[in-house]
Amino acid sequence: WKRPGDPRGAITLRHLLHMASGLQ
C-alpha cells in the first residue's frame, strides 16, 4: 500500500480495527 499513488495508503490501523478499511 506504500507505492506512490496507491489509494490504500490512506488506510489506518483505526480503519482496520473498526472494520472500515474500504477494501473490497
mmCIF file of all heavy atoms, coordinates in Angstrom:
data_MODEL
# 
_entry.id   MODEL 
# 
loop_
_atom_site.group_PDB 
_atom_site.id 
_atom_site.type_symbol 
_atom_site.label_atom_id 
_atom_site.label_alt_id 
_atom_site.label_comp_id 
_atom_site.label_asym_id 
_atom_site.label_entity_id 
_atom_site.label_seq_id 
_atom_site.pdbx_PDB_ins_code 
_atom_site.Cartn_x 
_atom_site.Cartn_y 
_atom_site.Cartn_z 
_atom_site.occupancy 
_atom_site.B_iso_or_equiv 
_atom_site.pdbx_formal_charge 
_atom_site.auth_seq_id 
_atom_site.auth_comp_id 
_atom_site.auth_asym_id 
_atom_site.auth_atom_id 
_atom_site.pdbx_PDB_model_num 
ATOM 1   N N   . TRP A 1 1  ? 0.814   -1.217 0.000  1.00 0.00 ? 1  TRP A N   1 
ATOM 2   C CA  . TRP A 1 1  ? 0.000   0.000  0.000  1.00 0.00 ? 1  TRP A CA  1 
ATOM 3   C C   . TRP A 1 1  ? 0.848   1.267  0.000  1.00 0.00 ? 1  TRP A C   1 
ATOM 4   O O   . TRP A 1 1  ? 0.312   2.371  -0.067 1.00 0.00 ? 1  TRP A O   1 
ATOM 5   C CB  . TRP A 1 1  ? -0.928  0.020  1.216  1.00 0.00 ? 1  TRP A CB  1 
ATOM 6   C CG  . TRP A 1 1  ? -1.891  -1.130 1.288  1.00 0.00 ? 1  TRP A CG  1 
ATOM 7   C CD1 . TRP A 1 1  ? -2.137  -2.069 0.333  1.00 0.00 ? 1  TRP A CD1 1 
ATOM 8   C CD2 . TRP A 1 1  ? -2.738  -1.456 2.394  1.00 0.00 ? 1  TRP A CD2 1 
ATOM 9   N NE1 . TRP A 1 1  ? -3.076  -2.969 0.759  1.00 0.00 ? 1  TRP A NE1 1 
ATOM 10  C CE2 . TRP A 1 1  ? -3.466  -2.614 2.022  1.00 0.00 ? 1  TRP A CE2 1 
ATOM 11  C CE3 . TRP A 1 1  ? -2.952  -0.891 3.651  1.00 0.00 ? 1  TRP A CE3 1 
ATOM 12  C CZ2 . TRP A 1 1  ? -4.398  -3.220 2.877  1.00 0.00 ? 1  TRP A CZ2 1 
ATOM 13  C CZ3 . TRP A 1 1  ? -3.876  -1.483 4.500  1.00 0.00 ? 1  TRP A CZ3 1 
ATOM 14  C CH2 . TRP A 1 1  ? -4.589  -2.637 4.117  1.00 0.00 ? 1  TRP A CH2 1 
ATOM 15  N N   . LYS A 1 2  ? 2.152   1.111  0.098  1.00 0.00 ? 2  LYS A N   1 
ATOM 16  C CA  . LYS A 1 2  ? 3.035   2.274  0.194  1.00 0.00 ? 2  LYS A CA  1 
ATOM 17  C C   . LYS A 1 2  ? 3.502   2.783  -1.169 1.00 0.00 ? 2  LYS A C   1 
ATOM 18  O O   . LYS A 1 2  ? 4.190   3.808  -1.244 1.00 0.00 ? 2  LYS A O   1 
ATOM 19  C CB  . LYS A 1 2  ? 4.268   1.922  1.040  1.00 0.00 ? 2  LYS A CB  1 
ATOM 20  C CG  . LYS A 1 2  ? 3.939   1.696  2.515  1.00 0.00 ? 2  LYS A CG  1 
ATOM 21  C CD  . LYS A 1 2  ? 5.204   1.423  3.313  1.00 0.00 ? 2  LYS A CD  1 
ATOM 22  C CE  . LYS A 1 2  ? 4.909   1.272  4.800  1.00 0.00 ? 2  LYS A CE  1 
ATOM 23  N NZ  . LYS A 1 2  ? 6.141   1.017  5.584  1.00 0.00 ? 2  LYS A NZ  1 
ATOM 24  N N   . ARG A 1 3  ? 3.120   2.111  -2.226 1.00 0.00 ? 3  ARG A N   1 
ATOM 25  C CA  . ARG A 1 3  ? 3.534   2.542  -3.558 1.00 0.00 ? 3  ARG A CA  1 
ATOM 26  C C   . ARG A 1 3  ? 2.889   3.882  -3.900 1.00 0.00 ? 3  ARG A C   1 
ATOM 27  O O   . ARG A 1 3  ? 1.714   4.111  -3.565 1.00 0.00 ? 3  ARG A O   1 
ATOM 28  C CB  . ARG A 1 3  ? 3.145   1.488  -4.594 1.00 0.00 ? 3  ARG A CB  1 
ATOM 29  C CG  . ARG A 1 3  ? 3.939   0.195  -4.458 1.00 0.00 ? 3  ARG A CG  1 
ATOM 30  C CD  . ARG A 1 3  ? 3.429   -0.875 -5.388 1.00 0.00 ? 3  ARG A CD  1 
ATOM 31  N NE  . ARG A 1 3  ? 2.049   -1.249 -5.077 1.00 0.00 ? 3  ARG A NE  1 
ATOM 32  C CZ  . ARG A 1 3  ? 1.438   -2.314 -5.601 1.00 0.00 ? 3  ARG A CZ  1 
ATOM 33  N NH1 . ARG A 1 3  ? 2.082   -3.074 -6.460 1.00 0.00 ? 3  ARG A NH1 1 
ATOM 34  N NH2 . ARG A 1 3  ? 0.198   -2.585 -5.283 1.00 0.00 ? 3  ARG A NH2 1 
ATOM 35  N N   . PRO A 1 4  ? 3.627   4.774  -4.521 1.00 0.00 ? 4  PRO A N   1 
ATOM 36  C CA  . PRO A 1 4  ? 3.081   6.100  -4.855 1.00 0.00 ? 4  PRO A CA  1 
ATOM 37  C C   . PRO A 1 4  ? 1.772   6.002  -5.638 1.00 0.00 ? 4  PRO A C   1 
ATOM 38  O O   . PRO A 1 4  ? 1.662   5.231  -6.586 1.00 0.00 ? 4  PRO A O   1 
ATOM 39  C CB  . PRO A 1 4  ? 4.192   6.732  -5.705 1.00 0.00 ? 4  PRO A CB  1 
ATOM 40  C CG  . PRO A 1 4  ? 5.436   6.030  -5.273 1.00 0.00 ? 4  PRO A CG  1 
ATOM 41  C CD  . PRO A 1 4  ? 5.030   4.626  -4.956 1.00 0.00 ? 4  PRO A CD  1 
ATOM 42  N N   . GLY A 1 5  ? 0.793   6.757  -5.178 1.00 0.00 ? 5  GLY A N   1 
ATOM 43  C CA  . GLY A 1 5  ? -0.480  6.796  -5.872 1.00 0.00 ? 5  GLY A CA  1 
ATOM 44  C C   . GLY A 1 5  ? -1.459  5.709  -5.483 1.00 0.00 ? 5  GLY A C   1 
ATOM 45  O O   . GLY A 1 5  ? -2.609  5.714  -5.951 1.00 0.00 ? 5  GLY A O   1 
ATOM 46  N N   . ASP A 1 6  ? -1.059  4.753  -4.626 1.00 0.00 ? 6  ASP A N   1 
ATOM 47  C CA  . ASP A 1 6  ? -1.980  3.685  -4.209 1.00 0.00 ? 6  ASP A CA  1 
ATOM 48  C C   . ASP A 1 6  ? -2.958  4.260  -3.194 1.00 0.00 ? 6  ASP A C   1 
ATOM 49  O O   . ASP A 1 6  ? -2.553  4.684  -2.099 1.00 0.00 ? 6  ASP A O   1 
ATOM 50  C CB  . ASP A 1 6  ? -1.197  2.522  -3.592 1.00 0.00 ? 6  ASP A CB  1 
ATOM 51  C CG  . ASP A 1 6  ? -2.055  1.260  -3.423 1.00 0.00 ? 6  ASP A CG  1 
ATOM 52  O OD1 . ASP A 1 6  ? -3.251  1.404  -3.106 1.00 0.00 ? 6  ASP A OD1 1 
ATOM 53  O OD2 . ASP A 1 6  ? -1.527  0.157  -3.607 1.00 0.00 ? 6  ASP A OD2 1 
ATOM 54  N N   . PRO A 1 7  ? -4.261  4.289  -3.489 1.00 0.00 ? 7  PRO A N   1 
ATOM 55  C CA  . PRO A 1 7  ? -5.227  4.891  -2.560 1.00 0.00 ? 7  PRO A CA  1 
ATOM 56  C C   . PRO A 1 7  ? -5.357  4.127  -1.255 1.00 0.00 ? 7  PRO A C   1 
ATOM 57  O O   . PRO A 1 7  ? -5.841  4.674  -0.257 1.00 0.00 ? 7  PRO A O   1 
ATOM 58  C CB  . PRO A 1 7  ? -6.532  4.872  -3.351 1.00 0.00 ? 7  PRO A CB  1 
ATOM 59  C CG  . PRO A 1 7  ? -6.370  3.764  -4.343 1.00 0.00 ? 7  PRO A CG  1 
ATOM 60  C CD  . PRO A 1 7  ? -4.916  3.779  -4.702 1.00 0.00 ? 7  PRO A CD  1 
ATOM 61  N N   . ARG A 1 8  ? -4.893  2.877  -1.233 1.00 0.00 ? 8  ARG A N   1 
ATOM 62  C CA  . ARG A 1 8  ? -4.955  2.102  0.015  1.00 0.00 ? 8  ARG A CA  1 
ATOM 63  C C   . ARG A 1 8  ? -3.963  2.621  1.050  1.00 0.00 ? 8  ARG A C   1 
ATOM 64  O O   . ARG A 1 8  ? -4.046  2.252  2.231  1.00 0.00 ? 8  ARG A O   1 
ATOM 65  C CB  . ARG A 1 8  ? -4.695  0.625  -0.284 1.00 0.00 ? 8  ARG A CB  1 
ATOM 66  C CG  . ARG A 1 8  ? -5.765  -0.001 -1.184 1.00 0.00 ? 8  ARG A CG  1 
ATOM 67  C CD  . ARG A 1 8  ? -5.391  -1.408 -1.605 1.00 0.00 ? 8  ARG A CD  1 
ATOM 68  N NE  . ARG A 1 8  ? -4.141  -1.429 -2.371 1.00 0.00 ? 8  ARG A NE  1 
ATOM 69  C CZ  . ARG A 1 8  ? -3.600  -2.534 -2.875 1.00 0.00 ? 8  ARG A CZ  1 
ATOM 70  N NH1 . ARG A 1 8  ? -4.207  -3.701 -2.720 1.00 0.00 ? 8  ARG A NH1 1 
ATOM 71  N NH2 . ARG A 1 8  ? -2.462  -2.476 -3.548 1.00 0.00 ? 8  ARG A NH2 1 
ATOM 72  N N   . GLY A 1 9  ? -3.064  3.466  0.635  1.00 0.00 ? 9  GLY A N   1 
ATOM 73  C CA  . GLY A 1 9  ? -2.130  4.076  1.572  1.00 0.00 ? 9  GLY A CA  1 
ATOM 74  C C   . GLY A 1 9  ? -2.792  4.963  2.598  1.00 0.00 ? 9  GLY A C   1 
ATOM 75  O O   . GLY A 1 9  ? -2.172  5.337  3.598  1.00 0.00 ? 9  GLY A O   1 
ATOM 76  N N   . ALA A 1 10 ? -4.061  5.304  2.379  1.00 0.00 ? 10 ALA A N   1 
ATOM 77  C CA  . ALA A 1 10 ? -4.800  6.126  3.349  1.00 0.00 ? 10 ALA A CA  1 
ATOM 78  C C   . ALA A 1 10 ? -5.430  5.297  4.462  1.00 0.00 ? 10 ALA A C   1 
ATOM 79  O O   . ALA A 1 10 ? -5.982  5.856  5.417  1.00 0.00 ? 10 ALA A O   1 
ATOM 80  C CB  . ALA A 1 10 ? -5.891  6.914  2.623  1.00 0.00 ? 10 ALA A CB  1 
ATOM 81  N N   . ILE A 1 11 ? -5.357  3.967  4.354  1.00 0.00 ? 11 ILE A N   1 
ATOM 82  C CA  . ILE A 1 11 ? -5.955  3.107  5.385  1.00 0.00 ? 11 ILE A CA  1 
ATOM 83  C C   . ILE A 1 11 ? -5.094  3.148  6.643  1.00 0.00 ? 11 ILE A C   1 
ATOM 84  O O   . ILE A 1 11 ? -3.878  2.949  6.592  1.00 0.00 ? 11 ILE A O   1 
ATOM 85  C CB  . ILE A 1 11 ? -6.071  1.656  4.877  1.00 0.00 ? 11 ILE A CB  1 
ATOM 86  C CG1 . ILE A 1 11 ? -6.964  1.594  3.641  1.00 0.00 ? 11 ILE A CG1 1 
ATOM 87  C CG2 . ILE A 1 11 ? -6.619  0.747  5.975  1.00 0.00 ? 11 ILE A CG2 1 
ATOM 88  C CD1 . ILE A 1 11 ? -6.964  0.225  2.960  1.00 0.00 ? 11 ILE A CD1 1 
ATOM 89  N N   . THR A 1 12 ? -5.713  3.388  7.786  1.00 0.00 ? 12 THR A N   1 
ATOM 90  C CA  . THR A 1 12 ? -5.013  3.423  9.065  1.00 0.00 ? 12 THR A CA  1 
ATOM 91  C C   . THR A 1 12 ? -5.356  2.193  9.912  1.00 0.00 ? 12 THR A C   1 
ATOM 92  O O   . THR A 1 12 ? -6.297  1.452  9.597  1.00 0.00 ? 12 THR A O   1 
ATOM 93  C CB  . THR A 1 12 ? -5.398  4.675  9.866  1.00 0.00 ? 12 THR A CB  1 
ATOM 94  O OG1 . THR A 1 12 ? -6.796  4.580  10.227 1.00 0.00 ? 12 THR A OG1 1 
ATOM 95  C CG2 . THR A 1 12 ? -5.160  5.951  9.056  1.00 0.00 ? 12 THR A CG2 1 
ATOM 96  N N   . LEU A 1 13 ? -4.617  2.022  10.998 1.00 0.00 ? 13 LEU A N   1 
ATOM 97  C CA  . LEU A 1 13 ? -4.954  0.959  11.946 1.00 0.00 ? 13 LEU A CA  1 
ATOM 98  C C   . LEU A 1 13 ? -6.360  1.153  12.508 1.00 0.00 ? 13 LEU A C   1 
ATOM 99  O O   . LEU A 1 13 ? -7.105  0.193  12.704 1.00 0.00 ? 13 LEU A O   1 
ATOM 100 C CB  . LEU A 1 13 ? -3.943  0.925  13.092 1.00 0.00 ? 13 LEU A CB  1 
ATOM 101 C CG  . LEU A 1 13 ? -2.556  0.357  12.826 1.00 0.00 ? 13 LEU A CG  1 
ATOM 102 C CD1 . LEU A 1 13 ? -1.731  0.397  14.101 1.00 0.00 ? 13 LEU A CD1 1 
ATOM 103 C CD2 . LEU A 1 13 ? -2.634  -1.072 12.304 1.00 0.00 ? 13 LEU A CD2 1 
ATOM 104 N N   . ARG A 1 14 ? -6.732  2.397  12.757 1.00 0.00 ? 14 ARG A N   1 
ATOM 105 C CA  . ARG A 1 14 ? -8.075  2.676  13.268 1.00 0.00 ? 14 ARG A CA  1 
ATOM 106 C C   . ARG A 1 14 ? -9.138  2.167  12.283 1.00 0.00 ? 14 ARG A C   1 
ATOM 107 O O   . ARG A 1 14 ? -10.123 1.540  12.688 1.00 0.00 ? 14 ARG A O   1 
ATOM 108 C CB  . ARG A 1 14 ? -8.257  4.173  13.517 1.00 0.00 ? 14 ARG A CB  1 
ATOM 109 C CG  . ARG A 1 14 ? -9.581  4.531  14.199 1.00 0.00 ? 14 ARG A CG  1 
ATOM 110 C CD  . ARG A 1 14 ? -9.772  6.034  14.282 1.00 0.00 ? 14 ARG A CD  1 
ATOM 111 N NE  . ARG A 1 14 ? -8.762  6.684  15.107 1.00 0.00 ? 14 ARG A NE  1 
ATOM 112 C CZ  . ARG A 1 14 ? -8.871  6.854  16.413 1.00 0.00 ? 14 ARG A CZ  1 
ATOM 113 N NH1 . ARG A 1 14 ? -9.950  6.433  17.059 1.00 0.00 ? 14 ARG A NH1 1 
ATOM 114 N NH2 . ARG A 1 14 ? -7.906  7.475  17.083 1.00 0.00 ? 14 ARG A NH2 1 
ATOM 115 N N   . HIS A 1 15 ? -8.934  2.436  11.001 1.00 0.00 ? 15 HIS A N   1 
ATOM 116 C CA  . HIS A 1 15 ? -9.874  1.943  9.997  1.00 0.00 ? 15 HIS A CA  1 
ATOM 117 C C   . HIS A 1 15 ? -9.965  0.419  10.040 1.00 0.00 ? 15 HIS A C   1 
ATOM 118 O O   . HIS A 1 15 ? -11.065 -0.153 9.980  1.00 0.00 ? 15 HIS A O   1 
ATOM 119 C CB  . HIS A 1 15 ? -9.429  2.376  8.593  1.00 0.00 ? 15 HIS A CB  1 
ATOM 120 C CG  . HIS A 1 15 ? -9.478  3.843  8.365  1.00 0.00 ? 15 HIS A CG  1 
ATOM 121 N ND1 . HIS A 1 15 ? -8.568  4.497  7.551  1.00 0.00 ? 15 HIS A ND1 1 
ATOM 122 C CD2 . HIS A 1 15 ? -10.319 4.812  8.835  1.00 0.00 ? 15 HIS A CD2 1 
ATOM 123 C CE1 . HIS A 1 15 ? -8.850  5.789  7.524  1.00 0.00 ? 15 HIS A CE1 1 
ATOM 124 N NE2 . HIS A 1 15 ? -9.901  6.000  8.296  1.00 0.00 ? 15 HIS A NE2 1 
ATOM 125 N N   . LEU A 1 16 ? -8.825  -0.249 10.128 1.00 0.00 ? 16 LEU A N   1 
ATOM 126 C CA  . LEU A 1 16 ? -8.817  -1.708 10.156 1.00 0.00 ? 16 LEU A CA  1 
ATOM 127 C C   . LEU A 1 16 ? -9.521  -2.241 11.400 1.00 0.00 ? 16 LEU A C   1 
ATOM 128 O O   . LEU A 1 16 ? -10.325 -3.177 11.317 1.00 0.00 ? 16 LEU A O   1 
ATOM 129 C CB  . LEU A 1 16 ? -7.381  -2.222 10.092 1.00 0.00 ? 16 LEU A CB  1 
ATOM 130 C CG  . LEU A 1 16 ? -6.622  -1.968 8.785  1.00 0.00 ? 16 LEU A CG  1 
ATOM 131 C CD1 . LEU A 1 16 ? -5.143  -2.270 8.955  1.00 0.00 ? 16 LEU A CD1 1 
ATOM 132 C CD2 . LEU A 1 16 ? -7.208  -2.786 7.636  1.00 0.00 ? 16 LEU A CD2 1 
ATOM 133 N N   . LEU A 1 17 ? -9.249  -1.660 12.541 1.00 0.00 ? 17 LEU A N   1 
ATOM 134 C CA  . LEU A 1 17 ? -9.852  -2.124 13.790 1.00 0.00 ? 17 LEU A CA  1 
ATOM 135 C C   . LEU A 1 17 ? -11.351 -1.859 13.836 1.00 0.00 ? 17 LEU A C   1 
ATOM 136 O O   . LEU A 1 17 ? -12.099 -2.578 14.504 1.00 0.00 ? 17 LEU A O   1 
ATOM 137 C CB  . LEU A 1 17 ? -9.147  -1.473 14.980 1.00 0.00 ? 17 LEU A CB  1 
ATOM 138 C CG  . LEU A 1 17 ? -7.729  -1.997 15.231 1.00 0.00 ? 17 LEU A CG  1 
ATOM 139 C CD1 . LEU A 1 17 ? -6.925  -1.002 16.050 1.00 0.00 ? 17 LEU A CD1 1 
ATOM 140 C CD2 . LEU A 1 17 ? -7.770  -3.357 15.926 1.00 0.00 ? 17 LEU A CD2 1 
ATOM 141 N N   . HIS A 1 18 ? -11.801 -0.830 13.140 1.00 0.00 ? 18 HIS A N   1 
ATOM 142 C CA  . HIS A 1 18 ? -13.228 -0.519 13.071 1.00 0.00 ? 18 HIS A CA  1 
ATOM 143 C C   . HIS A 1 18 ? -13.924 -1.228 11.913 1.00 0.00 ? 18 HIS A C   1 
ATOM 144 O O   . HIS A 1 18 ? -15.105 -0.975 11.663 1.00 0.00 ? 18 HIS A O   1 
ATOM 145 C CB  . HIS A 1 18 ? -13.426 0.993  12.926 1.00 0.00 ? 18 HIS A CB  1 
ATOM 146 C CG  . HIS A 1 18 ? -13.259 1.737  14.205 1.00 0.00 ? 18 HIS A CG  1 
ATOM 147 N ND1 . HIS A 1 18 ? -13.063 3.108  14.247 1.00 0.00 ? 18 HIS A ND1 1 
ATOM 148 C CD2 . HIS A 1 18 ? -13.261 1.318  15.495 1.00 0.00 ? 18 HIS A CD2 1 
ATOM 149 C CE1 . HIS A 1 18 ? -12.954 3.488  15.511 1.00 0.00 ? 18 HIS A CE1 1 
ATOM 150 N NE2 . HIS A 1 18 ? -13.073 2.426  16.281 1.00 0.00 ? 18 HIS A NE2 1 
ATOM 151 N N   . MET A 1 19 ? -13.227 -2.111 11.214 1.00 0.00 ? 19 MET A N   1 
ATOM 152 C CA  . MET A 1 19 ? -13.785 -2.800 10.042 1.00 0.00 ? 19 MET A CA  1 
ATOM 153 C C   . MET A 1 19 ? -14.276 -1.784 9.006  1.00 0.00 ? 19 MET A C   1 
ATOM 154 O O   . MET A 1 19 ? -15.354 -1.908 8.438  1.00 0.00 ? 19 MET A O   1 
ATOM 155 C CB  . MET A 1 19 ? -14.926 -3.741 10.443 1.00 0.00 ? 19 MET A CB  1 
ATOM 156 C CG  . MET A 1 19 ? -14.515 -4.885 11.333 1.00 0.00 ? 19 MET A CG  1 
ATOM 157 S SD  . MET A 1 19 ? -13.420 -6.040 10.460 1.00 0.00 ? 19 MET A SD  1 
ATOM 158 C CE  . MET A 1 19 ? -13.216 -7.318 11.719 1.00 0.00 ? 19 MET A CE  1 
ATOM 159 N N   . ALA A 1 20 ? -13.462 -0.784 8.767  1.00 0.00 ? 20 ALA A N   1 
ATOM 160 C CA  . ALA A 1 20 ? -13.838 0.274  7.836  1.00 0.00 ? 20 ALA A CA  1 
ATOM 161 C C   . ALA A 1 20 ? -12.691 0.601  6.887  1.00 0.00 ? 20 ALA A C   1 
ATOM 162 O O   . ALA A 1 20 ? -12.477 1.755  6.522  1.00 0.00 ? 20 ALA A O   1 
ATOM 163 C CB  . ALA A 1 20 ? -14.252 1.530  8.607  1.00 0.00 ? 20 ALA A CB  1 
ATOM 164 N N   . SER A 1 21 ? -11.963 -0.425 6.457  1.00 0.00 ? 21 SER A N   1 
ATOM 165 C CA  . SER A 1 21 ? -10.822 -0.199 5.573  1.00 0.00 ? 21 SER A CA  1 
ATOM 166 C C   . SER A 1 21 ? -11.245 0.292  4.199  1.00 0.00 ? 21 SER A C   1 
ATOM 167 O O   . SER A 1 21 ? -10.481 0.979  3.516  1.00 0.00 ? 21 SER A O   1 
ATOM 168 C CB  . SER A 1 21 ? -10.015 -1.492 5.415  1.00 0.00 ? 21 SER A CB  1 
ATOM 169 O OG  . SER A 1 21 ? -10.761 -2.453 4.678  1.00 0.00 ? 21 SER A OG  1 
ATOM 170 N N   . GLY A 1 22 ? -12.430 -0.089 3.770  1.00 0.00 ? 22 GLY A N   1 
ATOM 171 C CA  . GLY A 1 22 ? -12.863 0.221  2.411  1.00 0.00 ? 22 GLY A CA  1 
ATOM 172 C C   . GLY A 1 22 ? -12.432 -0.811 1.391  1.00 0.00 ? 22 GLY A C   1 
ATOM 173 O O   . GLY A 1 22 ? -12.768 -0.695 0.213  1.00 0.00 ? 22 GLY A O   1 
ATOM 174 N N   . LEU A 1 23 ? -11.693 -1.850 1.816  1.00 0.00 ? 23 LEU A N   1 
ATOM 175 C CA  . LEU A 1 23 ? -11.250 -2.877 0.890  1.00 0.00 ? 23 LEU A CA  1 
ATOM 176 C C   . LEU A 1 23 ? -12.438 -3.705 0.395  1.00 0.00 ? 23 LEU A C   1 
ATOM 177 O O   . LEU A 1 23 ? -13.385 -3.975 1.137  1.00 0.00 ? 23 LEU A O   1 
ATOM 178 C CB  . LEU A 1 23 ? -10.241 -3.812 1.570  1.00 0.00 ? 23 LEU A CB  1 
ATOM 179 C CG  . LEU A 1 23 ? -8.886  -3.210 1.935  1.00 0.00 ? 23 LEU A CG  1 
ATOM 180 C CD1 . LEU A 1 23 ? -8.080  -4.196 2.755  1.00 0.00 ? 23 LEU A CD1 1 
ATOM 181 C CD2 . LEU A 1 23 ? -8.109  -2.790 0.677  1.00 0.00 ? 23 LEU A CD2 1 
ATOM 182 N N   . GLN A 1 24 ? -12.365 -4.100 -0.853 1.00 0.00 ? 24 GLN A N   1 
ATOM 183 C CA  . GLN A 1 24 ? -13.402 -4.959 -1.428 1.00 0.00 ? 24 GLN A CA  1 
ATOM 184 C C   . GLN A 1 24 ? -13.469 -6.273 -0.649 1.00 0.00 ? 24 GLN A C   1 
ATOM 185 O O   . GLN A 1 24 ? -12.450 -6.926 -0.434 1.00 0.00 ? 24 GLN A O   1 
ATOM 186 C CB  . GLN A 1 24 ? -13.067 -5.235 -2.890 1.00 0.00 ? 24 GLN A CB  1 
ATOM 187 C CG  . GLN A 1 24 ? -14.063 -6.115 -3.607 1.00 0.00 ? 24 GLN A CG  1 
ATOM 188 C CD  . GLN A 1 24 ? -13.679 -6.263 -5.069 1.00 0.00 ? 24 GLN A CD  1 
ATOM 189 O OE1 . GLN A 1 24 ? -13.774 -5.315 -5.845 1.00 0.00 ? 24 GLN A OE1 1 
ATOM 190 N NE2 . GLN A 1 24 ? -13.204 -7.439 -5.429 1.00 0.00 ? 24 GLN A NE2 1 
# 
